[in-house]
Protein backbone atom coordinates (compact mmCIF):
# COMPACT_ATOMS: atom_id res chain seq x y z
CA MET A 1 -91.53 122.22 54.59
CA THR A 2 -87.83 122.46 53.99
CA ASP A 3 -85.29 122.47 56.75
CA GLY A 4 -84.44 125.89 58.07
CA ALA A 5 -88.00 127.01 57.55
CA PRO A 6 -90.15 128.01 60.50
CA ARG A 7 -92.14 125.08 61.80
CA ALA A 8 -95.57 125.37 63.33
CA ALA A 9 -97.23 123.15 65.93
CA ALA A 10 -100.75 123.27 67.19
CA ASP A 11 -102.03 123.46 70.77
CA GLY A 12 -99.07 125.47 71.99
CA ALA A 13 -97.01 122.37 72.70
CA PRO A 14 -93.45 122.24 71.51
CA ASN A 15 -93.30 120.69 68.10
CA PRO A 16 -91.75 117.24 68.44
CA MET A 17 -90.43 117.49 64.92
CA ALA A 18 -88.82 120.83 65.77
CA ALA A 19 -87.25 119.38 68.90
CA ALA A 20 -85.75 116.59 66.83
CA ALA A 21 -84.91 118.82 63.92
CA PRO A 22 -81.15 119.16 64.61
CA HIS A 23 -80.80 115.45 63.95
CA GLN A 24 -83.04 115.45 60.89
CA VAL A 25 -81.41 118.00 58.66
CA PRO A 26 -81.06 117.01 55.01
CA ASP A 27 -77.89 115.83 53.39
CA GLY A 28 -75.24 118.47 53.15
CA ALA A 29 -76.63 120.48 56.03
CA PRO A 30 -74.86 120.55 59.35
CA ALA A 31 -76.36 118.20 61.90
CA HIS A 32 -75.31 120.07 64.97
CA VAL A 33 -76.57 120.34 68.50
CA ILE A 34 -75.35 122.58 71.27
CA ASP A 35 -74.89 120.18 74.11
CA GLY A 36 -76.28 121.66 77.28
CA ALA A 37 -77.03 124.95 75.56
CA PRO A 38 -78.95 127.34 77.83
CA GLN A 39 -82.40 128.61 77.04
CA THR A 40 -84.14 131.82 78.01
CA ASP A 41 -87.59 132.24 79.47
CA TRP A 42 -90.54 133.18 77.33
CA ARG A 43 -90.80 136.93 76.89
CA ARG A 44 -93.70 139.02 75.69
CA PRO A 45 -93.54 142.06 73.41
CA ALA A 46 -93.48 145.44 75.13
CA ALA A 47 -96.78 146.33 76.79
CA ARG A 48 -96.75 149.77 75.17
CA SER A 49 -97.12 148.03 71.81
CA LEU A 50 -100.80 147.77 72.75
CA LEU A 51 -101.04 151.46 71.87
CA VAL A 52 -100.53 150.64 68.18
CA THR A 53 -101.49 147.01 67.65
CA PRO A 54 -105.28 147.70 67.94
CA LEU A 55 -104.93 149.88 64.83
CA ARG A 56 -103.44 147.00 62.86
CA THR A 57 -106.06 144.64 64.25
CA ALA A 58 -108.83 147.04 63.25
CA LYS A 59 -107.43 147.11 59.71
CA GLU A 60 -107.55 143.32 59.58
CA LEU A 61 -111.15 143.32 60.88
CA ILE A 62 -112.53 145.82 58.35
CA PRO A 63 -114.32 143.12 56.28
CA SER A 64 -115.82 141.59 59.45
CA LEU A 65 -116.90 144.87 61.05
CA ALA A 66 -118.25 146.51 57.88
CA PRO A 67 -121.70 144.82 58.28
CA VAL A 68 -121.88 146.22 61.83
CA VAL A 69 -121.40 149.74 60.52
CA VAL A 70 -124.01 149.20 57.82
CA LEU A 71 -126.49 147.81 60.36
CA ALA A 72 -125.93 150.66 62.83
CA VAL A 73 -126.29 153.37 60.21
CA SER A 74 -129.36 151.79 58.55
CA GLN A 75 -131.24 151.12 61.81
CA GLY A 76 -130.26 154.27 63.71
CA GLY A 77 -131.37 154.93 67.28
CA GLN A 78 -130.08 152.38 69.79
CA ALA A 79 -128.27 150.55 66.99
CA TYR A 80 -125.58 153.24 67.05
CA TRP A 81 -124.29 151.59 70.22
CA LEU A 82 -123.08 148.78 67.96
CA LEU A 83 -120.38 151.16 66.73
CA LEU A 84 -118.64 150.65 70.06
CA LEU A 85 -117.68 147.23 68.72
CA LEU A 86 -115.33 149.02 66.30
CA VAL A 87 -113.24 149.97 69.34
CA VAL A 88 -113.86 147.17 71.80
CA VAL A 89 -113.26 144.20 69.49
CA PRO A 90 -109.86 145.32 68.06
CA VAL A 91 -108.60 146.30 71.52
CA LEU A 92 -109.74 143.00 73.05
CA ILE A 93 -108.17 140.94 70.28
CA ALA A 94 -104.94 142.95 70.46
CA VAL A 95 -104.68 142.35 74.22
CA LEU A 96 -105.32 138.62 73.82
CA ARG A 97 -102.73 138.39 71.06
CA TRP A 98 -100.17 140.23 73.17
CA TRP A 99 -100.85 137.98 76.15
CA ASN A 100 -100.45 134.83 74.06
CA THR A 101 -97.34 135.96 72.16
CA GLY A 102 -93.91 135.00 73.38
CA TYR A 103 -90.40 134.46 72.11
CA ARG A 104 -87.24 132.91 73.43
CA ILE A 105 -84.00 131.20 72.52
CA ALA A 106 -84.21 127.55 73.45
CA GLY A 107 -81.11 125.46 72.83
CA ASP A 108 -80.25 125.87 69.18
CA GLN A 109 -83.64 127.33 68.22
CA PHE A 110 -85.29 130.73 68.20
CA GLN A 111 -88.95 130.15 69.06
CA VAL A 112 -92.02 132.34 68.71
CA ARG A 113 -95.46 131.32 69.92
CA HIS A 114 -98.69 133.13 69.18
CA GLY A 115 -102.38 132.55 68.56
CA ILE A 116 -105.58 132.93 70.57
CA VAL A 117 -107.77 130.01 69.53
CA ARG A 118 -105.31 128.16 67.36
CA LYS A 119 -101.87 128.10 68.92
CA HIS A 120 -98.75 128.27 66.78
CA LEU A 121 -95.13 127.64 67.61
CA LEU A 122 -92.62 128.89 65.04
CA THR A 123 -89.01 127.82 65.32
CA ALA A 124 -85.88 128.82 63.44
CA GLN A 125 -82.69 126.82 63.78
CA LEU A 126 -79.93 129.17 64.90
CA ASP A 127 -77.49 127.73 62.38
CA ARG A 128 -80.07 128.42 59.63
CA ILE A 129 -80.64 132.08 60.44
CA ARG A 130 -79.54 134.20 57.50
CA THR A 131 -80.95 137.63 58.21
CA VAL A 132 -82.20 139.50 61.25
CA ASP A 133 -83.98 142.70 60.23
CA GLU A 134 -85.63 145.42 62.26
CA GLU A 135 -88.45 147.68 61.10
CA ALA A 136 -90.16 150.53 62.93
CA SER A 137 -92.70 153.08 61.73
CA LEU A 138 -92.71 156.63 63.04
CA LEU A 139 -95.28 155.79 65.72
CA ARG A 140 -93.32 152.71 66.80
CA ARG A 141 -90.12 154.75 66.95
CA ALA A 142 -91.89 157.21 69.24
CA LEU A 143 -92.87 154.29 71.47
CA HIS A 144 -89.34 152.83 71.28
CA ILE A 145 -90.52 149.51 69.86
CA VAL A 146 -89.63 147.64 66.66
CA ASP A 147 -90.74 144.65 64.62
CA LEU A 148 -88.10 141.92 64.32
CA HIS A 149 -87.96 139.59 61.31
CA VAL A 150 -85.71 136.52 61.42
CA GLY A 151 -85.11 135.09 57.96
CA THR A 152 -83.99 131.52 57.30
CA GLY A 153 -84.29 131.57 53.52
CA ALA A 154 -87.80 130.12 53.73
CA HIS A 155 -90.86 131.83 52.26
CA GLU A 156 -92.05 133.08 55.64
CA ALA A 157 -89.85 134.83 58.17
CA VAL A 158 -90.21 134.32 61.93
CA SER A 159 -91.46 137.71 63.08
CA VAL A 160 -92.13 139.29 66.44
CA HIS A 161 -93.97 142.60 66.55
CA GLY A 162 -93.65 145.31 69.17
CA ILE A 163 -90.40 144.37 70.93
CA ASP A 164 -88.67 146.98 73.04
CA ALA A 165 -86.03 148.59 70.78
CA THR A 166 -83.19 148.09 73.25
CA GLU A 167 -84.07 144.46 73.78
CA ALA A 168 -84.49 143.97 70.03
CA ALA A 169 -80.98 145.30 69.40
CA ALA A 170 -79.58 142.90 71.98
CA LEU A 171 -81.62 140.03 70.55
CA HIS A 172 -80.40 140.98 67.07
CA CYS A 173 -76.76 140.64 68.13
CA GLY A 174 -77.46 137.63 70.31
CA LEU A 175 -79.10 135.65 67.51
CA LEU A 176 -76.23 136.28 65.13
CA ALA A 177 -73.64 135.45 67.78
CA ARG A 178 -75.44 132.26 68.79
CA ARG A 179 -75.93 131.38 65.13
CA ARG A 180 -72.17 131.40 64.70
CA HIS A 181 -71.78 129.28 67.78
CA ALA A 182 -74.30 126.78 66.45
CA GLN A 183 -72.95 126.63 62.90
CA PRO A 184 -69.98 124.36 62.28
CA HIS A 185 -67.41 125.15 59.65
CA ARG A 186 -68.62 124.63 56.09
CA PRO A 187 -66.10 124.42 53.29
CA ASP A 188 -68.50 126.05 50.82
CA LEU A 189 -68.63 129.24 52.88
CA PRO A 190 -65.75 131.67 53.23
CA HIS A 191 -63.76 131.44 56.41
CA LEU A 192 -62.87 134.75 58.00
CA PRO A 193 -60.10 133.96 60.42
CA SER A 194 -59.46 137.53 61.41
CA GLU A 195 -62.86 138.25 62.86
CA GLY A 196 -66.18 136.60 63.21
CA SER A 197 -64.87 133.08 63.22
CA PRO A 198 -66.20 130.60 65.75
CA GLU A 199 -62.78 130.75 67.40
CA HIS A 200 -63.10 134.47 67.94
CA PRO A 201 -63.52 135.37 71.63
CA ALA A 202 -66.63 137.42 70.90
CA TYR A 203 -68.47 134.43 69.42
CA GLY A 204 -66.98 131.47 71.16
CA PRO A 205 -68.85 129.29 73.60
CA GLY A 206 -68.08 131.68 76.39
CA ALA A 207 -70.03 134.47 74.72
CA ALA A 208 -73.21 132.44 74.29
CA ASP A 209 -74.62 132.70 77.77
CA GLY A 210 -78.21 132.17 78.65
CA ASP A 211 -79.29 135.80 78.44
CA PHE A 212 -79.58 137.32 74.96
CA THR A 213 -79.99 140.83 76.38
CA GLU A 214 -76.23 141.20 76.57
CA GLU A 215 -75.22 143.40 73.68
CA ASN A 216 -72.38 142.64 71.36
CA THR A 217 -69.63 145.18 71.93
CA ALA A 218 -67.61 144.26 68.85
CA PRO A 219 -66.19 147.30 67.00
CA GLU A 220 -68.15 148.88 64.16
CA ARG A 221 -66.79 150.83 61.19
CA THR A 222 -68.81 153.12 58.92
CA ILE A 223 -68.39 152.41 55.21
CA ALA A 224 -70.88 154.94 53.83
CA ALA A 225 -73.33 157.38 55.39
CA PHE A 226 -76.14 159.55 54.07
CA SER A 227 -75.44 163.13 53.05
CA PRO A 228 -78.17 165.72 52.27
CA ALA A 229 -76.26 166.43 49.03
CA TRP A 230 -77.48 163.03 47.80
CA LEU A 231 -80.98 164.50 47.41
CA ARG A 232 -79.87 165.91 44.05
CA PHE A 233 -80.03 162.38 42.68
CA ALA A 234 -83.68 161.94 43.68
CA PRO A 235 -85.23 163.66 40.60
CA PHE A 236 -83.25 161.27 38.39
CA THR A 237 -84.92 158.21 39.88
CA MET A 238 -88.33 156.92 38.86
CA SER A 239 -89.81 157.19 42.35
CA GLY A 240 -91.49 160.53 41.60
CA VAL A 241 -93.08 159.21 38.41
CA ALA A 242 -94.28 156.12 40.26
CA THR A 243 -95.74 158.31 43.00
CA VAL A 244 -97.60 160.49 40.48
CA LEU A 245 -99.01 157.47 38.66
CA THR A 246 -100.05 155.86 41.94
CA ALA A 247 -101.72 159.06 43.14
CA TRP A 248 -103.48 159.40 39.78
CA ALA A 249 -104.77 155.82 39.94
CA ILE A 250 -105.95 156.15 43.55
CA GLY A 251 -107.58 159.52 42.86
CA GLY A 252 -109.40 158.17 39.83
CA ARG A 253 -110.62 155.17 41.81
CA ILE A 254 -111.90 157.42 44.61
CA VAL A 255 -113.74 159.66 42.15
CA ASN A 256 -115.39 156.64 40.54
CA GLU A 257 -116.24 154.77 43.74
CA PHE A 258 -117.74 157.76 45.54
CA GLN A 259 -119.24 159.30 42.37
CA LEU A 260 -117.44 162.61 42.79
CA GLY A 261 -117.58 163.46 39.10
CA ASP A 262 -120.01 166.36 39.65
CA THR A 263 -117.64 167.78 42.28
CA VAL A 264 -114.51 167.48 40.19
CA THR A 265 -115.97 168.66 36.87
CA PRO A 266 -116.27 172.37 37.85
CA TRP A 267 -112.61 172.41 38.83
CA VAL A 268 -111.65 170.89 35.50
CA ASP A 269 -113.78 173.48 33.66
CA ARG A 270 -112.12 176.34 35.56
CA LEU A 271 -108.68 175.00 34.71
CA ARG A 272 -109.65 174.66 31.04
CA ASP A 273 -111.04 178.22 30.95
CA ALA A 274 -107.89 179.57 32.61
CA THR A 275 -105.65 177.94 30.00
CA ALA A 276 -107.90 178.64 27.01
CA GLN A 277 -106.10 181.87 26.21
CA LEU A 278 -102.66 180.26 26.14
CA SER A 279 -101.07 179.21 22.90
CA LEU A 280 -100.38 175.51 22.33
CA LEU A 281 -96.62 176.01 22.73
CA VAL A 282 -97.00 177.87 26.03
CA LEU A 283 -99.50 175.31 27.26
CA VAL A 284 -97.19 172.39 26.45
CA LEU A 285 -94.20 174.10 28.08
CA THR A 286 -96.29 174.93 31.16
CA VAL A 287 -97.44 171.33 31.50
CA LEU A 288 -93.91 169.99 31.02
CA ILE A 289 -92.34 172.38 33.53
CA GLY A 290 -95.14 171.85 36.03
CA GLY A 291 -94.86 168.10 35.62
CA LEU A 292 -91.08 168.16 36.10
CA VAL A 293 -91.40 170.28 39.24
CA LEU A 294 -94.10 168.02 40.64
CA VAL A 295 -92.16 164.84 39.86
CA SER A 296 -88.95 166.32 41.30
CA VAL A 297 -90.63 167.36 44.55
CA LEU A 298 -92.27 163.95 44.95
CA SER A 299 -89.00 162.20 44.09
CA VAL A 300 -87.12 164.14 46.75
CA ALA A 301 -89.86 163.34 49.27
CA ALA A 302 -89.85 159.64 48.40
CA TYR A 303 -86.04 159.50 48.46
CA SER A 304 -85.96 161.17 51.87
CA LEU A 305 -88.59 158.85 53.32
CA ALA A 306 -86.73 155.77 52.11
CA ASN A 307 -83.07 156.69 52.60
CA TRP A 308 -82.76 159.50 55.17
CA GLY A 309 -80.31 158.48 57.86
CA TYR A 310 -78.79 155.74 55.70
CA ARG A 311 -75.66 154.20 57.11
CA LEU A 312 -73.68 151.17 55.98
CA THR A 313 -71.34 149.76 58.61
CA ARG A 314 -69.16 146.72 59.03
CA ARG A 315 -69.41 145.16 62.44
CA GLY A 316 -66.80 143.21 64.24
CA ASP A 317 -68.96 140.10 64.03
CA ALA A 318 -68.31 139.93 60.27
CA THR A 319 -71.68 141.38 59.31
CA LEU A 320 -72.74 144.35 57.23
CA TYR A 321 -75.40 146.50 58.83
CA VAL A 322 -77.64 148.79 56.75
CA ARG A 323 -80.07 151.20 58.40
CA ARG A 324 -82.20 153.76 56.56
CA GLY A 325 -85.59 155.46 56.57
CA LEU A 326 -87.04 158.75 57.77
CA LEU A 327 -90.46 157.79 59.12
CA THR A 328 -90.25 154.00 58.89
CA SER A 329 -86.80 152.89 59.94
CA ARG A 330 -85.47 149.67 58.43
CA ALA A 331 -82.35 147.82 59.54
CA MET A 332 -80.88 144.94 57.58
CA THR A 333 -78.01 142.66 58.50
CA ILE A 334 -75.95 140.86 55.86
CA GLU A 335 -73.58 138.20 57.01
CA GLU A 336 -70.35 138.43 55.04
CA ARG A 337 -70.06 134.64 54.96
CA ARG A 338 -73.10 134.67 52.70
CA LEU A 339 -72.03 137.57 50.52
CA ARG A 340 -71.41 136.36 46.97
CA GLY A 341 -70.88 139.66 45.18
CA VAL A 342 -72.41 143.03 44.40
CA VAL A 343 -74.36 144.56 41.55
CA LEU A 344 -73.64 148.14 40.53
CA GLU A 345 -76.74 149.64 38.92
CA ARG A 346 -76.68 152.81 36.83
CA PRO A 347 -80.13 153.70 35.44
CA LEU A 348 -80.08 155.86 32.34
CA LEU A 349 -81.36 159.01 34.05
CA LEU A 350 -79.13 158.50 37.09
CA ARG A 351 -76.09 158.48 34.83
CA ILE A 352 -76.73 162.14 33.96
CA PRO A 353 -75.59 163.43 37.41
CA ARG A 354 -73.00 160.61 37.61
CA GLY A 355 -74.95 158.59 40.13
CA ALA A 356 -75.29 154.89 40.87
CA ARG A 357 -76.59 152.47 43.45
CA ALA A 358 -75.38 149.09 44.68
CA LYS A 359 -77.05 145.88 45.80
CA ALA A 360 -75.63 142.81 47.48
CA LEU A 361 -75.73 139.28 46.15
CA VAL A 362 -76.44 137.19 49.23
CA THR A 363 -77.29 133.53 49.55
CA GLY A 364 -80.62 132.82 51.16
CA GLY A 365 -82.23 136.05 49.98
CA LYS A 366 -85.78 136.16 48.75
CA ARG A 367 -86.63 136.03 45.09
CA ARG A 368 -87.43 139.22 43.24
CA SER A 369 -91.01 138.08 42.91
CA GLU A 370 -91.34 138.10 46.68
CA GLU A 371 -92.24 141.66 47.49
CA GLY A 372 -90.55 143.51 50.29
CA ALA A 373 -87.83 146.07 50.80
CA ARG A 374 -85.73 143.55 52.72
CA ALA A 375 -85.54 141.37 49.65
CA THR A 376 -83.54 143.85 47.62
CA HIS A 377 -80.41 143.77 49.84
CA LEU A 378 -79.75 147.40 48.96
CA LEU A 379 -76.20 148.30 49.91
CA VAL A 380 -76.03 151.92 48.78
CA PRO A 381 -79.00 154.04 47.58
CA PRO A 382 -78.63 156.46 44.64
CA ALA A 383 -75.44 158.40 45.41
CA PRO A 384 -72.27 159.61 43.65
CA ALA A 385 -70.94 156.80 41.48
CA ALA A 386 -67.40 157.14 42.86
CA LEU A 387 -68.67 156.81 46.42
CA VAL A 388 -70.84 153.81 45.52
CA ARG A 389 -67.86 152.07 43.87
CA ALA A 390 -65.70 152.79 46.90
CA ALA A 391 -68.33 151.41 49.29
CA ALA A 392 -68.92 148.32 47.16
CA GLY A 393 -65.16 147.79 46.87
CA ASP A 394 -64.84 148.04 50.64
CA VAL A 395 -67.56 145.43 51.03
CA LEU A 396 -65.85 143.05 48.58
CA GLY A 397 -62.37 143.72 49.89
CA THR A 398 -61.16 144.85 46.46
CA ALA A 399 -62.30 147.45 43.93
CA THR A 400 -60.85 145.64 40.92
CA PRO A 401 -64.11 143.98 39.77
CA LEU A 402 -65.82 147.39 39.84
CA THR A 403 -63.17 149.31 37.91
CA ALA A 404 -61.40 146.80 35.67
CA PRO A 405 -61.90 147.24 31.90
CA LEU A 406 -64.27 144.73 30.32
CA LEU A 407 -63.98 142.74 27.13
CA GLY A 408 -66.53 143.61 24.44
CA HIS A 409 -68.67 141.05 22.66
CA GLY A 410 -67.72 141.91 19.09
CA PRO A 411 -69.47 143.26 15.98
CA ARG A 412 -71.98 140.41 15.75
CA ALA A 413 -73.36 141.29 19.19
CA VAL A 414 -73.55 144.96 18.18
CA ARG A 415 -75.50 144.10 15.02
CA ARG A 416 -77.86 141.99 17.06
CA ARG A 417 -78.53 144.94 19.41
CA HIS A 418 -79.38 147.16 16.40
CA THR A 419 -81.59 144.49 14.84
CA ARG A 420 -83.55 143.93 18.04
CA ALA A 421 -84.01 147.66 18.60
CA LEU A 422 -85.24 148.18 15.06
CA LEU A 423 -87.63 145.22 15.22
CA GLY A 424 -89.00 146.50 18.49
CA LEU A 425 -89.61 150.14 17.54
CA ALA A 426 -90.45 149.83 13.84
CA PRO A 427 -93.95 148.37 14.51
CA VAL A 428 -94.64 151.19 16.96
CA ALA A 429 -93.65 153.84 14.45
CA ALA A 430 -95.64 152.12 11.71
CA THR A 431 -98.71 151.94 13.95
CA VAL A 432 -98.53 155.64 14.80
CA ALA A 433 -98.04 156.61 11.15
CA GLY A 434 -100.85 154.30 10.00
CA ALA A 435 -103.26 155.65 12.60
CA ALA A 436 -102.40 159.23 11.60
CA TRP A 437 -103.09 158.41 7.95
CA TRP A 438 -106.32 156.49 8.63
CA TRP A 439 -107.89 158.97 11.04
CA HIS A 440 -106.38 162.08 9.43
CA TRP A 441 -104.48 163.14 12.51
CA PRO A 442 -102.33 166.30 12.39
CA ARG A 443 -99.14 166.10 10.34
CA GLY A 444 -97.12 166.45 13.53
CA THR A 445 -98.07 162.85 14.29
CA TYR A 446 -95.81 161.71 11.44
CA VAL A 447 -92.94 163.53 13.13
CA VAL A 448 -93.62 161.49 16.27
CA ALA A 449 -93.42 158.29 14.23
CA VAL A 450 -90.08 159.36 12.76
CA LEU A 451 -88.73 160.23 16.22
CA VAL A 452 -89.75 156.82 17.54
CA LEU A 453 -87.94 155.16 14.66
CA ALA A 454 -84.88 157.37 15.24
CA LEU A 455 -84.67 156.11 18.80
CA ALA A 456 -83.74 152.63 17.57
CA PRO A 457 -80.06 153.29 16.74
CA VAL A 458 -79.66 155.40 19.89
CA LEU A 459 -80.97 152.68 22.17
CA ALA A 460 -79.04 150.01 20.29
CA THR A 461 -75.81 151.96 20.67
CA LEU A 462 -76.37 152.42 24.40
CA ARG A 463 -77.07 148.73 24.90
CA ALA A 464 -74.15 147.65 22.71
CA ARG A 465 -71.74 149.84 24.68
CA SER A 466 -72.98 148.23 27.89
CA LEU A 467 -72.09 144.70 26.81
CA GLY A 468 -68.93 143.43 28.42
CA HIS A 469 -67.47 140.79 30.69
CA ALA A 470 -64.29 139.80 32.47
CA VAL A 471 -62.88 136.91 34.48
CA LEU A 472 -60.56 138.34 37.10
CA GLY A 473 -58.27 136.98 39.77
CA ASP A 474 -57.61 133.44 40.88
CA PRO A 475 -60.85 131.40 40.88
CA ARG A 476 -59.45 129.27 43.71
CA VAL A 477 -59.20 132.29 46.01
CA LEU A 478 -62.40 133.39 47.70
CA LEU A 479 -61.51 136.58 49.52
CA GLY A 480 -59.01 139.41 49.23
CA PRO A 481 -57.44 141.31 46.35
CA ASP A 482 -56.56 138.09 44.48
CA ALA A 483 -60.02 136.56 44.72
CA GLY A 484 -61.61 135.31 41.53
CA TYR A 485 -64.56 137.25 40.09
CA LEU A 486 -66.86 136.88 37.13
CA VAL A 487 -67.95 140.32 35.94
CA GLY A 488 -70.78 140.89 33.49
CA ARG A 489 -72.30 144.14 32.29
CA SER A 490 -75.43 144.69 30.22
CA GLY A 491 -78.57 146.78 29.84
CA ALA A 492 -79.33 150.44 29.52
CA PHE A 493 -82.42 150.90 31.74
CA PRO A 494 -80.53 150.34 34.00
CA GLN A 495 -76.99 149.32 33.21
CA ASP A 496 -76.01 146.51 35.57
CA ARG A 497 -72.46 145.52 36.38
CA SER A 498 -72.61 142.24 38.28
CA CYS A 499 -69.49 141.22 40.21
CA LEU A 500 -69.82 137.59 41.30
CA ARG A 501 -67.24 135.60 43.19
CA SER A 502 -66.13 132.70 41.01
CA ARG A 503 -66.35 130.27 43.94
CA ALA A 504 -70.05 131.15 44.23
CA VAL A 505 -70.91 129.75 40.78
CA ILE A 506 -72.78 126.47 41.20
CA GLY A 507 -73.68 125.85 37.57
CA TRP A 508 -73.81 127.19 34.02
CA VAL A 509 -76.52 127.51 31.42
CA LEU A 510 -75.87 128.32 27.77
CA ARG A 511 -78.93 129.57 25.91
CA GLU A 512 -79.10 130.29 22.23
CA THR A 513 -82.08 131.22 20.11
CA PHE A 514 -82.41 130.49 16.40
CA PHE A 515 -81.02 133.90 15.49
CA GLN A 516 -78.23 133.63 18.08
CA ARG A 517 -77.14 130.30 16.58
CA ARG A 518 -76.95 131.89 13.14
CA ALA A 519 -74.81 134.68 14.59
CA GLY A 520 -72.63 132.32 16.64
CA LEU A 521 -73.69 133.93 19.93
CA VAL A 522 -75.01 132.54 23.19
CA THR A 523 -76.40 133.90 26.43
CA LEU A 524 -74.25 132.57 29.27
CA GLU A 525 -75.90 132.27 32.68
CA ALA A 526 -73.89 131.64 35.84
CA THR A 527 -76.19 130.02 38.37
CA VAL A 528 -75.78 131.25 41.92
CA ALA A 529 -77.81 130.65 45.08
CA THR A 530 -78.81 134.26 45.65
CA SER A 531 -82.00 136.26 45.24
CA ARG A 532 -81.14 136.84 41.57
CA GLY A 533 -80.58 133.17 40.90
CA LYS A 534 -78.27 133.81 37.97
CA ILE A 535 -75.91 136.31 36.38
CA ARG A 536 -76.36 136.67 32.63
CA ILE A 537 -73.76 137.57 30.03
CA LEU A 538 -75.67 138.48 26.89
CA ASP A 539 -74.69 137.71 23.31
CA VAL A 540 -71.18 136.49 23.94
CA PRO A 541 -69.45 134.50 21.16
CA ARG A 542 -69.85 130.79 21.77
CA ALA A 543 -66.11 130.02 21.85
CA ARG A 544 -65.53 132.84 24.31
CA ALA A 545 -68.40 131.56 26.49
CA LEU A 546 -66.66 128.21 26.86
CA GLU A 547 -63.43 130.00 27.79
CA ILE A 548 -65.30 131.92 30.48
CA VAL A 549 -66.64 128.68 31.93
CA ARG A 550 -63.16 127.12 32.01
CA ASP A 551 -61.47 130.24 33.42
CA ALA A 552 -64.06 130.98 36.13
CA THR A 553 -64.64 127.40 37.26
CA PRO A 554 -61.67 125.29 36.15
CA GLY A 555 -62.48 121.62 36.08
CA LEU A 556 -66.18 122.02 36.83
CA LEU A 557 -67.55 121.26 33.35
CA ASP A 558 -64.49 120.05 31.43
CA ARG A 559 -65.99 116.62 30.82
CA TYR A 560 -69.10 118.16 29.27
CA LEU A 561 -67.44 120.78 27.09
CA GLU A 562 -66.52 120.11 23.51
CA PRO A 563 -62.74 120.12 22.88
């Protein structure tokens, strides 16, 4: 297991490796120990969490308890008393888990212990903590409890479920403050002398006392906040379509599993009889309008559930704090020392009402393949594009990377976009036309094939207009208006404008296919240690790609580049 990852020890005893971990960090990592650092006592989650944890335990025990239900129902009589196990067993296990769960800050570690039969001790080095996120469903919010997830960049976060919300907020601030106290200065991370530095009174040794329940009183400034007017952007997202498709798939599975075909068929027949008198045009228009209304309503509902109450703030401890959610509230903390840039996304439909959304490029984030809302580092949900740019510019400290004009990639890149679009859609159109001819489909099918083929130049034009890049500022400067940025823009579904700090680039990759070599183009990838892993600049002329490398990271690859 890599350093910074939670470590587990059996039998409830402190892990000797974890205790010695501060002295066994790998090369390049800070070997740092807080001499005489205080530690808190073990604390349990809130007792009222027992009102909800049996439900989660029961869900986990469904495979184990299913035979009990089958036995009780098949035998009848006294066997029905076995159904009491469905209540007793989850409650008993939940109580035992609560009794055996504890968390504390010990020295330079955050520790969590749990387990009934097999004991586990998870530890996270304070100087390795990268994110501290809170999550609370509607029921948990009613009980004033939250789930706390402490991320160290490892695959598994150190989580504690059912903490009192007030104590969780204090622990949230305390972990970040102690993390700063534990982490020495690293030249590869930006230094923020004005606030949040280890020398700052709020995070100095005097602030790290032995009780993490003391809240951080550093000032907080709101960068962007949710407005009900943002709901107009919801129908232009794909959330409604995804909801309809998910509901359709679940409904179909339920009908098949429970053999409800005989129940559903009469309803389908009634609907068919009711629409039998309508002309084809009226029927198509009715279906389209009904579908749009349904998708719009579901999109607004999904948008509200995910983003209602959104607020992006900058705290005095040099962190960005994002909270959102109507029923399930999620809170995410992004340390500005680990911010490497932002990505401005403008999906094709969202561009119609002039909307956009923004995500953060943060070191230590999870990969895209690792599912979870916390992995996305969403800065601003779908909102007015001007507001999103302003918020992202505030986060970066300058709006220049978000508004500066970009350099195009030339006619060869445009021709390549058209060629790829034609090669992608021509087989589809040919297949539709061939099927219509072979099976004698209506002549209108040929029109569909022509429309599919006509989409090729439209899509190619959209993608060609999106291509662009820029190298801005002084690559030696990390923060402020003069900071160096590598900006790349590409795509149409959505159109991404990635603004990456030049100092964050740790490597380059030049890729060229057979056809790209013939056209003199390459795909330039700037490697960065964030959840994205790389920022791509598509189909840029080879000579210009080398100039980008030299301008963004002077001296980094000079010995390897051809003169």
